[in-house]
């Protein structure tokens, strides 16, 4: 009888160890994802504050915008300036094109 119980216990031992390892791995990956999300959100908050401070303005009926609204590539958003130069300043941008006259370039 004791030999039978020992064989059954030895038979279940690998599956119990496997379940324990899977559980620990799941907890570890959940913790790493949570830490990555916290780090990403703190980085995003720091970037948004510094990039928006300089040229943010309010347009009636649209909301807060950043960048030069007269540029053809302006995203008309409060988070991104344009498709060509999303982070950089609009002053002196070599991709600037006026919306009014197609093909006209801004002289710096």
PDB file of N, CA and C in Angstrom:
ATOM      1  N   UNK A   1       0.820  -1.198   0.000  1.00  0.00           N
ATOM      2  CA  UNK A   1       0.000   0.000   0.000  1.00  0.00           C
ATOM      3  C   UNK A   1       0.870   1.272   0.000  1.00  0.00           C
ATOM      4  N   UNK A   2       1.953   1.267   0.784  1.00  0.00           N
ATOM      5  CA  UNK A   2       2.853   2.419   0.869  1.00  0.00           C
ATOM      6  C   UNK A   2       3.576   2.652  -0.455  1.00  0.00           C
ATOM      7  N   UNK A   3       3.923   1.544  -1.128  1.00  0.00           N
ATOM      8  CA  UNK A   3       4.581   1.678  -2.427  1.00  0.00           C
ATOM      9  C   UNK A   3       3.636   2.306  -3.445  1.00  0.00           C
ATOM     10  N   UNK A   4       2.378   1.960  -3.410  1.00  0.00           N
ATOM     11  CA  UNK A   4       1.388   2.509  -4.336  1.00  0.00           C
ATOM     12  C   UNK A   4       1.221   4.009  -4.117  1.00  0.00           C
ATOM     13  N   UNK A   5       1.136   4.432  -2.882  1.00  0.00           N
ATOM     14  CA  UNK A   5       1.016   5.865  -2.572  1.00  0.00           C
ATOM     15  C   UNK A   5       2.277   6.631  -2.988  1.00  0.00           C
ATOM     16  N   UNK A   6       3.432   6.012  -2.804  1.00  0.00           N
ATOM     17  CA  UNK A   6       4.688   6.643  -3.210  1.00  0.00           C
ATOM     18  C   UNK A   6       4.759   6.805  -4.724  1.00  0.00           C
ATOM     19  N   UNK A   7       4.317   5.788  -5.462  1.00  0.00           N
ATOM     20  CA  UNK A   7       4.314   5.875  -6.930  1.00  0.00           C
ATOM     21  C   UNK A   7       3.342   6.967  -7.397  1.00  0.00           C
ATOM     22  N   UNK A   8       2.173   7.051  -6.784  1.00  0.00           N
ATOM     23  CA  UNK A   8       1.193   8.091  -7.147  1.00  0.00           C
ATOM     24  C   UNK A   8       1.757   9.484  -6.833  1.00  0.00           C
ATOM     25  N   UNK A   9       2.401   9.632  -5.664  1.00  0.00           N
ATOM     26  CA  UNK A   9       2.973  10.932  -5.288  1.00  0.00           C
ATOM     27  C   UNK A   9       4.090  11.328  -6.242  1.00  0.00           C
ATOM     28  N   UNK A  10       4.940  10.386  -6.602  1.00  0.00           N
ATOM     29  CA  UNK A  10       6.017  10.682  -7.545  1.00  0.00           C
ATOM     30  C   UNK A  10       5.445  11.000  -8.926  1.00  0.00           C
ATOM     31  N   UNK A  11       4.338  10.381  -9.284  1.00  0.00           N
ATOM     32  CA  UNK A  11       3.694  10.660 -10.568  1.00  0.00           C
ATOM     33  C   UNK A  11       3.096  12.065 -10.636  1.00  0.00           C
ATOM     34  N   UNK A  12       2.556  12.544  -9.515  1.00  0.00           N
ATOM     35  CA  UNK A  12       1.961  13.887  -9.490  1.00  0.00           C
ATOM     36  C   UNK A  12       2.989  14.990  -9.264  1.00  0.00           C
ATOM     37  N   UNK A  13       4.153  14.652  -8.788  1.00  0.00           N
ATOM     38  CA  UNK A  13       5.163  15.650  -8.455  1.00  0.00           C
ATOM     39  C   UNK A  13       5.581  16.520  -9.646  1.00  0.00           C
ATOM     40  N   UNK A  14       5.861  16.003 -10.847  1.00  0.00           N
ATOM     41  CA  UNK A  14       6.235  16.885 -11.967  1.00  0.00           C
ATOM     42  C   UNK A  14       5.127  17.854 -12.367  1.00  0.00           C
ATOM     43  N   UNK A  15       3.890  17.392 -12.347  1.00  0.00           N
ATOM     44  CA  UNK A  15       2.801  18.299 -12.725  1.00  0.00           C
ATOM     45  C   UNK A  15       2.600  19.388 -11.677  1.00  0.00           C
ATOM     46  N   UNK A  16       2.773  19.067 -10.399  1.00  0.00           N
ATOM     47  CA  UNK A  16       2.663  20.086  -9.351  1.00  0.00           C
ATOM     48  C   UNK A  16       3.787  21.115  -9.464  1.00  0.00           C
ATOM     49  N   UNK A  17       4.984  20.650  -9.745  1.00  0.00           N
ATOM     50  CA  UNK A  17       6.106  21.578  -9.933  1.00  0.00           C
ATOM     51  C   UNK A  17       5.857  22.461 -11.151  1.00  0.00           C
ATOM     52  N   UNK A  18       5.342  21.880 -12.217  1.00  0.00           N
ATOM     53  CA  UNK A  18       5.049  22.648 -13.426  1.00  0.00           C
ATOM     54  C   UNK A  18       3.996  23.725 -13.161  1.00  0.00           C
ATOM     55  N   UNK A  19       2.937  23.375 -12.439  1.00  0.00           N
ATOM     56  CA  UNK A  19       1.905  24.367 -12.097  1.00  0.00           C
ATOM     57  C   UNK A  19       2.471  25.483 -11.228  1.00  0.00           C
ATOM     58  N   UNK A  20       3.347  25.152 -10.312  1.00  0.00           N
ATOM     59  CA  UNK A  20       3.954  26.165  -9.461  1.00  0.00           C
ATOM     60  C   UNK A  20       4.830  27.115 -10.285  1.00  0.00           C
ATOM     61  N   UNK A  21       5.617  26.568 -11.217  1.00  0.00           N
ATOM     62  CA  UNK A  21       6.482  27.395 -12.074  1.00  0.00           C
ATOM     63  C   UNK A  21       5.634  28.293 -12.973  1.00  0.00           C
ATOM     64  N   UNK A  22       4.552  27.757 -13.530  1.00  0.00           N
ATOM     65  CA  UNK A  22       3.666  28.562 -14.380  1.00  0.00           C
ATOM     66  C   UNK A  22       3.061  29.705 -13.577  1.00  0.00           C
ATOM     67  N   UNK A  23       2.642  29.433 -12.363  1.00  0.00           N
ATOM     68  CA  UNK A  23       2.053  30.474 -11.511  1.00  0.00           C
ATOM     69  C   UNK A  23       3.071  31.572 -11.201  1.00  0.00           C
ATOM     70  N   UNK A  24       4.287  31.186 -10.838  1.00  0.00           N
ATOM     71  CA  UNK A  24       5.322  32.182 -10.541  1.00  0.00           C
ATOM     72  C   UNK A  24       5.670  33.020 -11.768  1.00  0.00           C
ATOM     73  N   UNK A  25       5.734  32.380 -12.928  1.00  0.00           N
ATOM     74  CA  UNK A  25       6.041  33.096 -14.166  1.00  0.00           C
ATOM     75  C   UNK A  25       4.937  34.082 -14.515  1.00  0.00           C
ATOM     76  N   UNK A  26       3.693  33.676 -14.306  1.00  0.00           N
ATOM     77  CA  UNK A  26       2.553  34.557 -14.578  1.00  0.00           C
ATOM     78  C   UNK A  26       2.592  35.782 -13.658  1.00  0.00           C
ATOM     79  N   UNK A  27       2.855  35.575 -12.388  1.00  0.00           N
ATOM     80  CA  UNK A  27       2.948  36.702 -11.457  1.00  0.00           C
ATOM     81  C   UNK A  27       4.098  37.637 -11.816  1.00  0.00           C
ATOM     82  N   UNK A  28       5.231  37.061 -12.188  1.00  0.00           N
ATOM     83  CA  UNK A  28       6.399  37.868 -12.554  1.00  0.00           C
ATOM     84  C   UNK A  28       6.132  38.689 -13.810  1.00  0.00           C
ATOM     85  N   UNK A  29       5.495  38.088 -14.817  1.00  0.00           N
ATOM     86  CA  UNK A  29       5.210  38.831 -16.046  1.00  0.00           C
ATOM     87  C   UNK A  29       4.173  39.921 -15.804  1.00  0.00           C
ATOM     88  N   UNK A  30       3.189  39.663 -14.951  1.00  0.00           N
ATOM     89  CA  UNK A  30       2.201  40.695 -14.627  1.00  0.00           C
ATOM     90  C   UNK A  30       2.863  41.878 -13.931  1.00  0.00           C
ATOM     91  N   UNK A  31       3.784  41.592 -13.014  1.00  0.00           N
ATOM     92  CA  UNK A  31       4.507  42.656 -12.315  1.00  0.00           C
ATOM     93  C   UNK A  31       5.367  43.467 -13.282  1.00  0.00           C
ATOM     94  N   UNK A  32       6.049  42.791 -14.212  1.00  0.00           N
ATOM     95  CA  UNK A  32       6.884  43.499 -15.182  1.00  0.00           C
ATOM     96  C   UNK A  32       6.048  44.375 -16.114  1.00  0.00           C
ATOM     97  N   UNK A  33       4.883  43.888 -16.532  1.00  0.00           N
ATOM     98  CA  UNK A  33       3.999  44.705 -17.367  1.00  0.00           C
ATOM     99  C   UNK A  33       3.497  45.928 -16.613  1.00  0.00           C
ATOM    100  N   UNK A  34       3.154  45.747 -15.352  1.00  0.00           N
ATOM    101  CA  UNK A  34       2.684  46.872 -14.546  1.00  0.00           C
ATOM    102  C   UNK A  34       3.788  47.914 -14.385  1.00  0.00           C
ATOM    103  N   UNK A  35       5.032  47.453 -14.133  1.00  0.00           N
ATOM    104  CA  UNK A  35       6.151  48.382 -13.998  1.00  0.00           C
ATOM    105  C   UNK A  35       6.427  49.113 -15.311  1.00  0.00           C
ATOM    106  N   UNK A  36       6.338  48.408 -16.436  1.00  0.00           N
ATOM    107  CA  UNK A  36       6.555  49.040 -17.736  1.00  0.00           C
ATOM    108  C   UNK A  36       5.486  50.092 -18.013  1.00  0.00           C
ATOM    109  N   UNK A  37       4.250  49.802 -17.658  1.00  0.00           N
ATOM    110  CA  UNK A  37       3.175  50.773 -17.861  1.00  0.00           C
ATOM    111  C   UNK A  37       3.388  52.005 -16.995  1.00  0.00           C
ATOM    112  N   UNK A  38       3.817  51.817 -15.773  1.00  0.00           N
ATOM    113  CA  UNK A  38       4.068  52.959 -14.888  1.00  0.00           C
ATOM    114  C   UNK A  38       5.231  53.801 -15.410  1.00  0.00           C
ATOM    115  N   UNK A  39       6.297  53.156 -15.875  1.00  0.00           N
ATOM    116  CA  UNK A  39       7.438  53.895 -16.420  1.00  0.00           C
ATOM    117  C   UNK A  39       7.055  54.646 -17.679  1.00  0.00           C
ATOM    118  N   UNK A  40       6.266  54.028 -18.548  1.00  0.00           N
ATOM    119  CA  UNK A  40       5.847  54.671 -19.788  1.00  0.00           C
ATOM    120  C   UNK A  40       4.966  55.872 -19.511  1.00  0.00           C
ATOM    121  N   UNK A  41       4.037  55.758 -18.562  1.00  0.00           N
ATOM    122  CA  UNK A  41       3.153  56.885 -18.280  1.00  0.00           C
ATOM    123  C   UNK A  41       3.923  58.053 -17.686  1.00  0.00           C
ATOM    124  N   UNK A  42       4.932  57.789 -16.856  1.00  0.00           N
ATOM    125  CA  UNK A  42       5.709  58.891 -16.288  1.00  0.00           C
ATOM    126  C   UNK A  42       6.566  59.555 -17.357  1.00  0.00           C
ATOM    127  N   UNK A  43       7.080  58.790 -18.311  1.00  0.00           N
ATOM    128  CA  UNK A  43       7.864  59.358 -19.406  1.00  0.00           C
ATOM    129  C   UNK A  43       6.967  60.201 -20.297  1.00  0.00           C
ATOM    130  N   UNK A  44       5.773  59.712 -20.607  1.00  0.00           N
ATOM    131  CA  UNK A  44       4.843  60.448 -21.457  1.00  0.00           C
ATOM    132  C   UNK A  44       4.432  61.769 -20.814  1.00  0.00           C
ATOM    133  N   UNK A  45       4.164  61.770 -19.506  1.00  0.00           N
ATOM    134  CA  UNK A  45       3.764  62.998 -18.833  1.00  0.00           C
ATOM    135  C   UNK A  45       4.873  64.031 -18.911  1.00  0.00           C
ATOM    136  N   UNK A  46       6.103  63.621 -18.711  1.00  0.00           N
ATOM    137  CA  UNK A  46       7.231  64.551 -18.782  1.00  0.00           C
ATOM    138  C   UNK A  46       7.415  65.111 -20.171  1.00  0.00           C
ATOM    139  N   UNK A  47       7.235  64.318 -21.210  1.00  0.00           N
ATOM    140  CA  UNK A  47       7.397  64.772 -22.583  1.00  0.00           C
ATOM    141  C   UNK A  47       6.280  65.721 -22.984  1.00  0.00           C
ATOM    142  N   UNK A  48       5.057  65.431 -22.598  1.00  0.00           N
ATOM    143  CA  UNK A  48       3.944  66.278 -22.984  1.00  0.00           C
ATOM    144  C   UNK A  48       4.059  67.672 -22.377  1.00  0.00           C
ATOM    145  N   UNK A  49       4.483  67.758 -21.137  1.00  0.00           N
ATOM    146  CA  UNK A  49       4.583  69.057 -20.486  1.00  0.00           C
ATOM    147  C   UNK A  49       5.630  69.919 -21.167  1.00  0.00           C
ATOM    148  N   UNK A  50       6.787  69.363 -21.474  1.00  0.00           N
ATOM    149  CA  UNK A  50       7.854  70.169 -22.050  1.00  0.00           C
ATOM    150  C   UNK A  50       7.563  70.554 -23.495  1.00  0.00           C
ATOM    151  N   UNK A  51       6.910  69.662 -24.269  1.00  0.00           N
ATOM    152  CA  UNK A  51       6.695  69.966 -25.673  1.00  0.00           C
ATOM    153  C   UNK A  51       5.541  70.932 -25.896  1.00  0.00           C
ATOM    154  N   UNK A  52       4.599  70.988 -24.993  1.00  0.00           N
ATOM    155  CA  UNK A  52       3.403  71.785 -25.208  1.00  0.00           C
ATOM    156  C   UNK A  52       3.551  73.200 -24.671  1.00  0.00           C
ATOM    157  N   UNK A  53       4.466  73.430 -23.753  1.00  0.00           N
ATOM    158  CA  UNK A  53       4.561  74.726 -23.093  1.00  0.00           C
ATOM    159  C   UNK A  53       4.787  75.884 -24.056  1.00  0.00           C
ATOM    160  N   UNK A  54       5.619  75.720 -25.080  1.00  0.00           N
ATOM    161  CA  UNK A  54       6.050  76.830 -25.909  1.00  0.00           C
ATOM    162  C   UNK A  54       5.003  77.405 -26.838  1.00  0.00           C
ATOM    163  N   UNK A  55       4.349  76.589 -27.631  1.00  0.00           N
ATOM    164  CA  UNK A  55       3.469  77.126 -28.676  1.00  0.00           C
ATOM    165  C   UNK A  55       2.051  76.578 -28.590  1.00  0.00           C
ATOM    166  N   UNK A  56       1.543  76.458 -27.409  1.00  0.00           N
ATOM    167  CA  UNK A  56       0.176  75.985 -27.211  1.00  0.00           C
ATOM    168  C   UNK A  56      -0.766  77.177 -27.171  1.00  0.00           C
ATOM    169  N   UNK A  57      -1.865  77.064 -27.893  1.00  0.00           N
ATOM    170  CA  UNK A  57      -2.843  78.143 -27.891  1.00  0.00           C
ATOM    171  C   UNK A  57      -4.238  77.554 -28.045  1.00  0.00           C
ATOM    172  N   UNK A  58      -5.233  78.357 -27.729  1.00  0.00           N
ATOM    173  CA  UNK A  58      -6.621  77.912 -27.779  1.00  0.00           C
ATOM    174  C   UNK A  58      -7.300  78.500 -29.009  1.00  0.00           C
ATOM    175  N   UNK A  59      -7.962  77.656 -29.784  1.00  0.00           N
ATOM    176  CA  UNK A  59      -8.710  78.089 -30.953  1.00  0.00           C
ATOM    177  C   UNK A  59     -10.183  77.829 -30.686  1.00  0.00           C
ATOM    178  N   UNK A  60     -10.989  78.861 -30.789  1.00  0.00           N
ATOM    179  CA  UNK A  60     -12.417  78.764 -30.495  1.00  0.00           C
ATOM    180  C   UNK A  60     -13.088  77.711 -31.369  1.00  0.00           C
ATOM    181  N   UNK A  61     -13.831  76.822 -30.746  1.00  0.00           N
ATOM    182  CA  UNK A  61     -14.546  75.781 -31.465  1.00  0.00           C
ATOM    183  C   UNK A  61     -13.730  74.537 -31.745  1.00  0.00           C
ATOM    184  N   UNK A  62     -12.396  74.605 -31.573  1.00  0.00           N
ATOM    185  CA  UNK A  62     -11.528  73.469 -31.836  1.00  0.00           C
ATOM    186  C   UNK A  62     -10.907  72.962 -30.549  1.00  0.00           C
ATOM    187  N   UNK A  63     -10.388  73.869 -29.734  1.00  0.00           N
ATOM    188  CA  UNK A  63      -9.729  73.504 -28.490  1.00  0.00           C
ATOM    189  C   UNK A  63      -8.276  73.930 -28.495  1.00  0.00           C
ATOM    190  N   UNK A  64      -7.477  73.305 -27.650  1.00  0.00           N
ATOM    191  CA  UNK A  64      -6.059  73.638 -27.562  1.00  0.00           C
ATOM    192  C   UNK A  64      -5.291  72.977 -28.699  1.00  0.00           C
ATOM    193  N   UNK A  65      -4.438  73.749 -29.337  1.00  0.00           N
ATOM    194  CA  UNK A  65      -3.607  73.280 -30.450  1.00  0.00           C
ATOM    195  C   UNK A  65      -2.165  73.641 -30.185  1.00  0.00           C
ATOM    196  N   UNK A  66      -1.258  72.899 -30.798  1.00  0.00           N
ATOM    197  CA  UNK A  66       0.156  73.268 -30.741  1.00  0.00           C
ATOM    198  C   UNK A  66       0.683  73.348 -32.166  1.00  0.00           C
ATOM    199  N   UNK A  67       1.701  74.155 -32.351  1.00  0.00           N
ATOM    200  CA  UNK A  67       2.304  74.313 -33.667  1.00  0.00           C
ATOM    201  C   UNK A  67       1.744  75.493 -34.422  1.00  0.00           C
ATOM    202  N   UNK A  68       2.212  75.649 -35.648  1.00  0.00           N
ATOM    203  CA  UNK A  68       1.804  76.744 -36.524  1.00  0.00           C
ATOM    204  C   UNK A  68       0.594  76.292 -37.332  1.00  0.00           C
ATOM    205  N   UNK A  69      -0.564  76.893 -37.086  1.00  0.00           N
ATOM    206  CA  UNK A  69      -1.816  76.473 -37.732  1.00  0.00           C
ATOM    207  C   UNK A  69      -1.836  76.844 -39.212  1.00  0.00           C
ATOM    208  N   UNK A  70      -0.978  77.760 -39.627  1.00  0.00           N
ATOM    209  CA  UNK A  70      -0.961  78.143 -41.037  1.00  0.00           C
ATOM    210  C   UNK A  70      -0.186  77.148 -41.899  1.00  0.00           C
ATOM    211  N   UNK A  71       0.469  76.171 -41.285  1.00  0.00           N
ATOM    212  CA  UNK A  71       1.237  75.179 -42.033  1.00  0.00           C
ATOM    213  C   UNK A  71       0.312  74.106 -42.602  1.00  0.00           C
ATOM    214  N   UNK A  72       0.621  73.645 -43.787  1.00  0.00           N
ATOM    215  CA  UNK A  72      -0.166  72.621 -44.462  1.00  0.00           C
ATOM    216  C   UNK A  72      -0.125  71.287 -43.709  1.00  0.00           C
ATOM    217  N   UNK A  73       0.979  70.988 -43.022  1.00  0.00           N
ATOM    218  CA  UNK A  73       1.158  69.702 -42.347  1.00  0.00           C
ATOM    219  C   UNK A  73       0.747  69.717 -40.882  1.00  0.00           C
ATOM    220  N   UNK A  74       0.189  70.817 -40.381  1.00  0.00           N
ATOM    221  CA  UNK A  74      -0.208  70.889 -38.981  1.00  0.00           C
ATOM    222  C   UNK A  74      -1.295  69.859 -38.692  1.00  0.00           C
ATOM    223  N   UNK A  75      -1.173  69.148 -37.570  1.00  0.00           N
ATOM    224  CA  UNK A  75      -2.111  68.069 -37.218  1.00  0.00           C
ATOM    225  C   UNK A  75      -3.384  68.595 -36.573  1.00  0.00           C
ATOM    226  N   UNK A  76      -3.424  69.851 -36.221  1.00  0.00           N
ATOM    227  CA  UNK A  76      -4.566  70.454 -35.547  1.00  0.00           C
ATOM    228  C   UNK A  76      -4.964  69.634 -34.319  1.00  0.00           C
ATOM    229  N   UNK A  77      -3.955  69.374 -33.481  1.00  0.00           N
ATOM    230  CA  UNK A  77      -4.116  68.549 -32.296  1.00  0.00           C
ATOM    231  C   UNK A  77      -3.405  69.207 -31.128  1.00  0.00           C
ATOM    232  N   UNK A  78      -3.813  68.840 -29.933  1.00  0.00           N
ATOM    233  CA  UNK A  78      -3.152  69.339 -28.744  1.00  0.00           C
ATOM    234  C   UNK A  78      -1.987  68.479 -28.306  1.00  0.00           C
ATOM    235  N   UNK A  79      -1.736  67.385 -29.027  1.00  0.00           N
ATOM    236  CA  UNK A  79      -0.698  66.445 -28.622  1.00  0.00           C
ATOM    237  C   UNK A  79       0.441  66.319 -29.626  1.00  0.00           C
ATOM    238  N   UNK A  80       0.171  66.550 -30.893  1.00  0.00           N
ATOM    239  CA  UNK A  80       1.189  66.382 -31.929  1.00  0.00           C
ATOM    240  C   UNK A  80       1.144  67.597 -32.855  1.00  0.00           C
ATOM    241  N   UNK A  81       2.313  68.093 -33.258  1.00  0.00           N
ATOM    242  CA  UNK A  81       2.361  69.282 -34.098  1.00  0.00           C
ATOM    243  C   UNK A  81       1.989  68.981 -35.541  1.00  0.00           C
ATOM    244  N   UNK A  82       2.733  68.070 -36.151  1.00  0.00           N
ATOM    245  CA  UNK A  82       2.486  67.771 -37.560  1.00  0.00           C
ATOM    246  C   UNK A  82       2.980  66.375 -37.896  1.00  0.00           C
ATOM    247  N   UNK A  83       2.683  65.932 -39.105  1.00  0.00           N
ATOM    248  CA  UNK A  83       3.086  64.594 -39.534  1.00  0.00           C
ATOM    249  C   UNK A  83       4.570  64.548 -39.878  1.00  0.00           C
ATOM    250  N   UNK A  84       5.124  65.644 -40.334  1.00  0.00           N
ATOM    251  CA  UNK A  84       6.508  65.654 -40.784  1.00  0.00           C
ATOM    252  C   UNK A  84       7.479  65.851 -39.620  1.00  0.00           C
ATOM    253  N   UNK A  85       7.170  66.764 -38.729  1.00  0.00           N
ATOM    254  CA  UNK A  85       8.058  67.113 -37.623  1.00  0.00           C
ATOM    255  C   UNK A  85       7.253  67.161 -36.324  1.00  0.00           C
ATOM    256  N   UNK A  86       6.833  66.008 -35.763  1.00  0.00           N
ATOM    257  CA  UNK A  86       5.917  66.014 -34.625  1.00  0.00           C
ATOM    258  C   UNK A  86       6.512  66.576 -33.342  1.00  0.00           C
ATOM    259  N   UNK A  87       7.803  66.433 -33.114  1.00  0.00           N
ATOM    260  CA  UNK A  87       8.408  66.899 -31.867  1.00  0.00           C
ATOM    261  C   UNK A  87       9.054  68.273 -31.976  1.00  0.00           C
ATOM    262  N   UNK A  88       9.561  68.582 -33.127  1.00  0.00           N
ATOM    263  CA  UNK A  88      10.376  69.781 -33.277  1.00  0.00           C
ATOM    264  C   UNK A  88       9.583  71.061 -33.312  1.00  0.00           C
ATOM    265  N   UNK A  89      10.268  72.179 -33.173  1.00  0.00           N
ATOM    266  CA  UNK A  89       9.593  73.479 -33.245  1.00  0.00           C
ATOM    267  C   UNK A  89       9.210  73.821 -34.680  1.00  0.00           C
ATOM    268  N   UNK A  90       8.185  74.631 -34.821  1.00  0.00           N
ATOM    269  CA  UNK A  90       7.727  75.043 -36.148  1.00  0.00           C
ATOM    270  C   UNK A  90       8.621  76.143 -36.729  1.00  0.00           C
ATOM    271  N   UNK A  91       9.233  76.929 -35.862  1.00  0.00           N
ATOM    272  CA  UNK A  91      10.096  78.010 -36.340  1.00  0.00           C
ATOM    273  C   UNK A  91      11.312  77.428 -37.039  1.00  0.00           C
ATOM    274  N   UNK A  92      11.504  77.794 -38.294  1.00  0.00           N
ATOM    275  CA  UNK A  92      12.649  77.332 -39.058  1.00  0.00           C
ATOM    276  C   UNK A  92      12.518  75.929 -39.596  1.00  0.00           C
ATOM    277  N   UNK A  93      11.335  75.363 -39.602  1.00  0.00           N
ATOM    278  CA  UNK A  93      11.150  73.998 -40.120  1.00  0.00           C
ATOM    279  C   UNK A  93      11.288  74.024 -41.640  1.00  0.00           C
ATOM    280  N   UNK A  94      12.088  73.124 -42.194  1.00  0.00           N
ATOM    281  CA  UNK A  94      12.319  73.121 -43.640  1.00  0.00           C
ATOM    282  C   UNK A  94      11.156  72.514 -44.415  1.00  0.00           C
ATOM    283  N   UNK A  95      10.205  71.894 -43.731  1.00  0.00           N
ATOM    284  CA  UNK A  95       9.051  71.283 -44.393  1.00  0.00           C
ATOM    285  C   UNK A  95       7.823  72.188 -44.382  1.00  0.00           C
ATOM    286  N   UNK A  96       7.961  73.408 -43.896  1.00  0.00           N
ATOM    287  CA  UNK A  96       6.820  74.308 -43.783  1.00  0.00           C
ATOM    288  C   UNK A  96       6.252  74.639 -45.166  1.00  0.00           C
ATOM    289  N   UNK A  97       4.932  74.500 -45.303  1.00  0.00           N
ATOM    290  CA  UNK A  97       4.228  74.943 -46.506  1.00  0.00           C
ATOM    291  C   UNK A  97       2.959  75.640 -46.061  1.00  0.00           C
ATOM    292  N   UNK A  98       2.735  76.816 -46.595  1.00  0.00           N
ATOM    293  CA  UNK A  98       1.547  77.574 -46.259  1.00  0.00           C
ATOM    294  C   UNK A  98       0.316  76.908 -46.852  1.00  0.00           C
ATOM    295  N   UNK A  99      -0.799  76.940 -46.123  1.00  0.00           N
ATOM    296  CA  UNK A  99      -2.036  76.353 -46.621  1.00  0.00           C
ATOM    297  C   UNK A  99      -2.635  77.169 -47.752  1.00  0.00           C
ATOM    298  N   UNK A 100      -2.435  78.464 -47.711  1.00  0.00           N
ATOM    299  CA  UNK A 100      -3.066  79.351 -48.677  1.00  0.00           C
ATOM    300  C   UNK A 100      -2.571  79.175 -50.097  1.00  0.00           C
ATOM    301  N   UNK A 101      -1.278  79.170 -50.301  1.00  0.00           N
ATOM    302  CA  UNK A 101      -0.693  79.070 -51.623  1.00  0.00           C
ATOM    303  C   UNK A 101       0.034  77.739 -51.770  1.00  0.00           C
ATOM    304  N   UNK A 102      -0.422  76.839 -52.594  1.00  0.00           N
ATOM    305  CA  UNK A 102       0.256  75.553 -52.725  1.00  0.00           C
ATOM    306  C   UNK A 102       1.658  75.723 -53.312  1.00  0.00           C
ATOM    307  N   UNK A 103       2.610  75.065 -52.677  1.00  0.00           N
ATOM    308  CA  UNK A 103       3.983  75.106 -53.165  1.00  0.00           C
ATOM    309  C   UNK A 103       4.800  76.275 -52.645  1.00  0.00           C
ATOM    310  N   UNK A 104       4.170  77.218 -51.940  1.00  0.00           N
ATOM    311  CA  UNK A 104       4.945  78.346 -51.437  1.00  0.00           C
ATOM    312  C   UNK A 104       5.687  77.933 -50.181  1.00  0.00           C
ATOM    313  N   UNK A 105       6.899  78.424 -50.016  1.00  0.00           N
ATOM    314  CA  UNK A 105       7.743  78.082 -48.896  1.00  0.00           C
ATOM    315  C   UNK A 105       7.881  79.290 -47.991  1.00  0.00           C
ATOM    316  N   UNK A 106       8.021  79.021 -46.720  1.00  0.00           N
ATOM    317  CA  UNK A 106       8.240  80.088 -45.727  1.00  0.00           C
ATOM    318  C   UNK A 106       9.715  80.486 -45.771  1.00  0.00           C
ATOM    319  N   UNK A 107       9.972  81.778 -45.840  1.00  0.00           N
ATOM    320  CA  UNK A 107      11.351  82.261 -45.829  1.00  0.00           C
ATOM    321  C   UNK A 107      11.751  82.515 -44.380  1.00  0.00           C
ATOM    322  N   UNK A 108      12.940  82.043 -44.046  1.00  0.00           N
ATOM    323  CA  UNK A 108      13.387  82.182 -42.656  1.00  0.00           C
ATOM    324  C   UNK A 108      14.388  83.287 -42.543  1.00  0.00           C
TER     325      UNK A 108
END
